[in-house]
Amino acid sequence: MFTARAKCFRERKYTGWPASYGARRLEYPTNIAEGQARFSANEFHYFLGRARGSLVEVETQLMIAQNLTYFSPEHEKQLCDKANELGRILNALSGAIKQAA
């Protein structure tokens, strides 16, 4: 999902987003890993919330990229479907951790 989006931005030579894209791409799994390494379920839940925020930023960037016609509506749907799936997984994990906290 993320590689396809970066390629679209590189091909358009839109210089403002690739740096932001790279940060968001890494921030999502990094927050999950950092939270998991913490010593309490509350801290893990906090970092899952941060990861959710990063994912929402990616989803917003996808919508903006589509509005700028960086890729086709079909490609946007594929990417958004993947982001939505990640969101559902993250929400389920967050809910399970919250119950344990």
N, C-alpha and C. Protein backbone atom coordinates (compact mmCIF):
# COMPACT_ATOMS: atom_id res chain seq x y z
N MET A 1 0.83 -1.18 0.00
CA MET A 1 0.00 0.00 0.00
C MET A 1 0.87 1.25 0.00
N PHE A 2 1.83 1.32 0.91
CA PHE A 2 2.62 2.53 1.07
C PHE A 2 3.59 2.72 -0.09
N THR A 3 4.15 1.64 -0.61
CA THR A 3 5.09 1.74 -1.72
C THR A 3 4.43 2.30 -2.96
N ALA A 4 3.20 1.88 -3.23
CA ALA A 4 2.48 2.39 -4.40
C ALA A 4 2.25 3.88 -4.28
N ARG A 5 1.91 4.33 -3.09
CA ARG A 5 1.65 5.75 -2.90
C ARG A 5 2.94 6.56 -3.08
N ALA A 6 4.04 6.08 -2.54
CA ALA A 6 5.30 6.79 -2.68
C ALA A 6 5.70 6.90 -4.15
N LYS A 7 5.49 5.82 -4.89
CA LYS A 7 5.83 5.83 -6.31
C LYS A 7 5.02 6.90 -7.04
N CYS A 8 3.74 7.02 -6.72
CA CYS A 8 2.91 8.04 -7.35
C CYS A 8 3.46 9.43 -7.06
N PHE A 9 3.86 9.67 -5.81
CA PHE A 9 4.38 10.98 -5.46
C PHE A 9 5.71 11.26 -6.16
N ARG A 10 6.57 10.24 -6.23
CA ARG A 10 7.86 10.43 -6.91
C ARG A 10 7.66 10.71 -8.39
N GLU A 11 6.74 9.98 -9.02
CA GLU A 11 6.52 10.17 -10.45
C GLU A 11 6.00 11.58 -10.74
N ARG A 12 5.22 12.13 -9.84
CA ARG A 12 4.69 13.48 -10.02
C ARG A 12 5.68 14.55 -9.57
N LYS A 13 6.75 14.10 -8.93
CA LYS A 13 7.77 15.03 -8.44
C LYS A 13 7.16 16.08 -7.51
N TYR A 14 6.22 15.63 -6.70
CA TYR A 14 5.61 16.52 -5.72
C TYR A 14 6.50 16.47 -4.49
N THR A 15 7.28 17.51 -4.28
CA THR A 15 8.34 17.45 -3.29
C THR A 15 7.88 17.62 -1.86
N GLY A 16 6.69 18.12 -1.62
CA GLY A 16 6.26 18.36 -0.24
C GLY A 16 5.85 17.11 0.51
N TRP A 17 5.36 16.08 -0.16
CA TRP A 17 4.80 14.94 0.54
C TRP A 17 5.70 13.75 0.75
N PRO A 18 6.68 13.49 -0.08
CA PRO A 18 7.45 12.28 0.16
C PRO A 18 8.08 12.23 1.55
N ALA A 19 8.59 13.34 2.08
CA ALA A 19 9.18 13.31 3.42
C ALA A 19 8.11 13.00 4.45
N SER A 20 6.97 13.64 4.32
CA SER A 20 5.86 13.38 5.25
C SER A 20 5.40 11.94 5.11
N TYR A 21 5.31 11.48 3.89
CA TYR A 21 4.89 10.10 3.64
C TYR A 21 5.83 9.13 4.33
N GLY A 22 7.11 9.35 4.19
CA GLY A 22 8.09 8.44 4.80
C GLY A 22 7.96 8.41 6.30
N ALA A 23 7.74 9.57 6.91
CA ALA A 23 7.59 9.62 8.36
C ALA A 23 6.35 8.86 8.79
N ARG A 24 5.24 9.04 8.11
CA ARG A 24 3.99 8.36 8.47
C ARG A 24 4.09 6.86 8.23
N ARG A 25 4.73 6.50 7.15
CA ARG A 25 4.87 5.08 6.83
C ARG A 25 5.61 4.36 7.94
N LEU A 26 6.61 4.99 8.50
CA LEU A 26 7.39 4.37 9.56
C LEU A 26 6.77 4.56 10.93
N GLU A 27 6.04 5.63 11.12
CA GLU A 27 5.49 5.94 12.43
C GLU A 27 4.43 4.94 12.87
N TYR A 28 3.61 4.48 11.94
CA TYR A 28 2.52 3.57 12.27
C TYR A 28 3.05 2.29 12.94
N PRO A 29 3.90 1.51 12.27
CA PRO A 29 4.37 0.28 12.93
C PRO A 29 5.33 0.56 14.08
N THR A 30 6.05 1.67 14.03
CA THR A 30 6.98 2.01 15.10
C THR A 30 6.23 2.27 16.40
N ASN A 31 5.11 2.98 16.33
CA ASN A 31 4.32 3.23 17.54
C ASN A 31 3.79 1.93 18.13
N ILE A 32 3.36 1.02 17.28
CA ILE A 32 2.87 -0.27 17.78
C ILE A 32 4.00 -1.02 18.48
N ALA A 33 5.16 -1.06 17.86
CA ALA A 33 6.30 -1.76 18.45
C ALA A 33 6.73 -1.12 19.76
N GLU A 34 6.78 0.20 19.79
CA GLU A 34 7.19 0.88 21.01
C GLU A 34 6.20 0.63 22.14
N GLY A 35 4.92 0.70 21.83
CA GLY A 35 3.91 0.45 22.84
C GLY A 35 3.95 -0.97 23.36
N GLN A 36 4.19 -1.93 22.49
CA GLN A 36 4.24 -3.32 22.90
C GLN A 36 5.42 -3.56 23.84
N ALA A 37 6.48 -2.81 23.65
CA ALA A 37 7.67 -2.99 24.48
C ALA A 37 7.54 -2.33 25.85
N ARG A 38 6.51 -1.53 26.03
CA ARG A 38 6.31 -0.87 27.33
C ARG A 38 5.90 -1.89 28.38
N PHE A 39 5.95 -1.46 29.63
CA PHE A 39 5.71 -2.39 30.73
C PHE A 39 4.26 -2.49 31.18
N SER A 40 3.39 -1.65 30.62
CA SER A 40 1.99 -1.74 31.06
C SER A 40 1.05 -1.72 29.86
N ALA A 41 -0.12 -2.30 30.07
CA ALA A 41 -1.15 -2.31 29.02
C ALA A 41 -1.62 -0.89 28.72
N ASN A 42 -1.64 -0.03 29.75
CA ASN A 42 -2.05 1.37 29.53
C ASN A 42 -1.11 2.08 28.56
N GLU A 43 0.18 1.86 28.73
CA GLU A 43 1.14 2.48 27.81
C GLU A 43 0.99 1.91 26.41
N PHE A 44 0.79 0.61 26.30
CA PHE A 44 0.59 -0.01 24.99
C PHE A 44 -0.64 0.59 24.33
N HIS A 45 -1.71 0.73 25.07
CA HIS A 45 -2.95 1.32 24.53
C HIS A 45 -2.70 2.75 24.05
N TYR A 46 -1.93 3.52 24.80
CA TYR A 46 -1.59 4.89 24.40
C TYR A 46 -0.88 4.90 23.04
N PHE A 47 0.09 4.03 22.86
CA PHE A 47 0.85 4.01 21.60
C PHE A 47 0.01 3.45 20.45
N LEU A 48 -0.93 2.58 20.74
CA LEU A 48 -1.85 2.13 19.69
C LEU A 48 -2.70 3.31 19.22
N GLY A 49 -3.07 4.19 20.15
CA GLY A 49 -3.80 5.40 19.76
C GLY A 49 -2.96 6.30 18.87
N ARG A 50 -1.70 6.41 19.17
CA ARG A 50 -0.81 7.20 18.31
C ARG A 50 -0.68 6.57 16.94
N ALA A 51 -0.60 5.25 16.89
CA ALA A 51 -0.53 4.55 15.60
C ALA A 51 -1.81 4.79 14.81
N ARG A 52 -2.95 4.79 15.48
CA ARG A 52 -4.23 5.06 14.81
C ARG A 52 -4.22 6.46 14.22
N GLY A 53 -3.69 7.43 14.95
CA GLY A 53 -3.58 8.79 14.43
C GLY A 53 -2.72 8.85 13.17
N SER A 54 -1.62 8.11 13.17
CA SER A 54 -0.75 8.07 11.98
C SER A 54 -1.47 7.45 10.80
N LEU A 55 -2.24 6.40 11.06
CA LEU A 55 -2.99 5.75 9.99
C LEU A 55 -4.03 6.71 9.40
N VAL A 56 -4.69 7.47 10.24
CA VAL A 56 -5.69 8.43 9.76
C VAL A 56 -5.01 9.51 8.90
N GLU A 57 -3.79 9.90 9.28
CA GLU A 57 -3.05 10.85 8.46
C GLU A 57 -2.76 10.27 7.07
N VAL A 58 -2.39 9.01 7.03
CA VAL A 58 -2.15 8.34 5.74
C VAL A 58 -3.42 8.32 4.92
N GLU A 59 -4.55 7.97 5.54
CA GLU A 59 -5.83 7.95 4.83
C GLU A 59 -6.17 9.33 4.27
N THR A 60 -5.90 10.37 5.04
CA THR A 60 -6.14 11.74 4.57
C THR A 60 -5.26 12.07 3.38
N GLN A 61 -4.00 11.67 3.45
CA GLN A 61 -3.10 11.92 2.33
C GLN A 61 -3.54 11.17 1.09
N LEU A 62 -4.10 9.99 1.26
CA LEU A 62 -4.63 9.25 0.11
C LEU A 62 -5.77 10.02 -0.55
N MET A 63 -6.66 10.57 0.27
CA MET A 63 -7.78 11.34 -0.29
C MET A 63 -7.28 12.58 -1.03
N ILE A 64 -6.31 13.25 -0.45
CA ILE A 64 -5.75 14.44 -1.10
C ILE A 64 -5.08 14.05 -2.41
N ALA A 65 -4.31 12.98 -2.39
CA ALA A 65 -3.63 12.52 -3.61
C ALA A 65 -4.64 12.17 -4.70
N GLN A 66 -5.75 11.56 -4.31
CA GLN A 66 -6.78 11.24 -5.30
C GLN A 66 -7.38 12.52 -5.87
N ASN A 67 -7.63 13.50 -5.01
CA ASN A 67 -8.17 14.78 -5.49
C ASN A 67 -7.22 15.47 -6.46
N LEU A 68 -5.94 15.23 -6.28
CA LEU A 68 -4.93 15.80 -7.18
C LEU A 68 -4.67 14.89 -8.37
N THR A 69 -5.45 13.84 -8.50
CA THR A 69 -5.36 12.84 -9.58
C THR A 69 -3.97 12.19 -9.67
N TYR A 70 -3.39 11.87 -8.53
CA TYR A 70 -2.11 11.18 -8.51
C TYR A 70 -2.27 9.72 -8.92
N PHE A 71 -3.45 9.18 -8.75
CA PHE A 71 -3.73 7.83 -9.21
C PHE A 71 -5.22 7.70 -9.45
N SER A 72 -5.60 6.59 -10.05
CA SER A 72 -6.99 6.38 -10.47
C SER A 72 -7.89 6.15 -9.26
N PRO A 73 -9.21 6.38 -9.44
CA PRO A 73 -10.15 6.08 -8.35
C PRO A 73 -10.09 4.60 -7.93
N GLU A 74 -9.85 3.71 -8.88
CA GLU A 74 -9.76 2.29 -8.55
C GLU A 74 -8.54 2.01 -7.65
N HIS A 75 -7.43 2.64 -7.98
CA HIS A 75 -6.22 2.46 -7.19
C HIS A 75 -6.41 3.06 -5.80
N GLU A 76 -7.06 4.21 -5.73
CA GLU A 76 -7.34 4.81 -4.42
C GLU A 76 -8.21 3.87 -3.58
N LYS A 77 -9.21 3.27 -4.22
CA LYS A 77 -10.08 2.35 -3.48
C LYS A 77 -9.29 1.18 -2.93
N GLN A 78 -8.38 0.63 -3.73
CA GLN A 78 -7.55 -0.49 -3.25
C GLN A 78 -6.73 -0.06 -2.03
N LEU A 79 -6.10 1.10 -2.13
CA LEU A 79 -5.27 1.59 -1.04
C LEU A 79 -6.10 1.90 0.20
N CYS A 80 -7.25 2.53 0.00
CA CYS A 80 -8.13 2.85 1.14
C CYS A 80 -8.69 1.59 1.77
N ASP A 81 -8.99 0.58 0.97
CA ASP A 81 -9.46 -0.69 1.52
C ASP A 81 -8.39 -1.32 2.41
N LYS A 82 -7.14 -1.25 1.98
CA LYS A 82 -6.04 -1.78 2.80
C LYS A 82 -5.88 -0.97 4.09
N ALA A 83 -5.97 0.35 3.97
CA ALA A 83 -5.87 1.20 5.16
C ALA A 83 -7.02 0.92 6.11
N ASN A 84 -8.22 0.72 5.57
CA ASN A 84 -9.37 0.40 6.42
C ASN A 84 -9.18 -0.93 7.13
N GLU A 85 -8.61 -1.90 6.42
CA GLU A 85 -8.35 -3.20 7.05
C GLU A 85 -7.35 -3.05 8.20
N LEU A 86 -6.30 -2.27 7.97
CA LEU A 86 -5.34 -2.01 9.04
C LEU A 86 -6.02 -1.33 10.21
N GLY A 87 -6.92 -0.40 9.92
CA GLY A 87 -7.65 0.29 10.98
C GLY A 87 -8.50 -0.66 11.80
N ARG A 88 -9.19 -1.59 11.14
CA ARG A 88 -10.01 -2.57 11.86
C ARG A 88 -9.14 -3.45 12.76
N ILE A 89 -8.00 -3.88 12.24
CA ILE A 89 -7.08 -4.71 13.03
C ILE A 89 -6.58 -3.92 14.23
N LEU A 90 -6.19 -2.69 13.99
CA LEU A 90 -5.67 -1.84 15.06
C LEU A 90 -6.75 -1.57 16.11
N ASN A 91 -7.97 -1.30 15.68
CA ASN A 91 -9.06 -1.06 16.62
C ASN A 91 -9.34 -2.29 17.47
N ALA A 92 -9.31 -3.46 16.85
CA ALA A 92 -9.54 -4.71 17.60
C ALA A 92 -8.44 -4.92 18.64
N LEU A 93 -7.19 -4.70 18.23
CA LEU A 93 -6.08 -4.85 19.16
C LEU A 93 -6.19 -3.84 20.29
N SER A 94 -6.51 -2.61 19.94
CA SER A 94 -6.65 -1.56 20.95
C SER A 94 -7.75 -1.90 21.94
N GLY A 95 -8.88 -2.40 21.45
CA GLY A 95 -9.96 -2.79 22.33
C GLY A 95 -9.57 -3.91 23.27
N ALA A 96 -8.84 -4.89 22.76
CA ALA A 96 -8.40 -6.01 23.59
C ALA A 96 -7.42 -5.55 24.66
N ILE A 97 -6.52 -4.65 24.28
CA ILE A 97 -5.53 -4.15 25.24
C ILE A 97 -6.21 -3.28 26.29
N LYS A 98 -7.18 -2.49 25.88
CA LYS A 98 -7.89 -1.61 26.83
C LYS A 98 -8.60 -2.45 27.89
N GLN A 99 -9.20 -3.56 27.48
CA GLN A 99 -9.86 -4.44 28.44
C GLN A 99 -8.87 -5.02 29.44
N ALA A 100 -7.67 -5.27 28.97
CA ALA A 100 -6.64 -5.84 29.84
C ALA A 100 -6.02 -4.81 30.78
N ALA A 101 -6.16 -3.55 30.42
CA ALA A 101 -5.51 -2.47 31.21
C ALA A 101 -6.20 -2.22 32.52
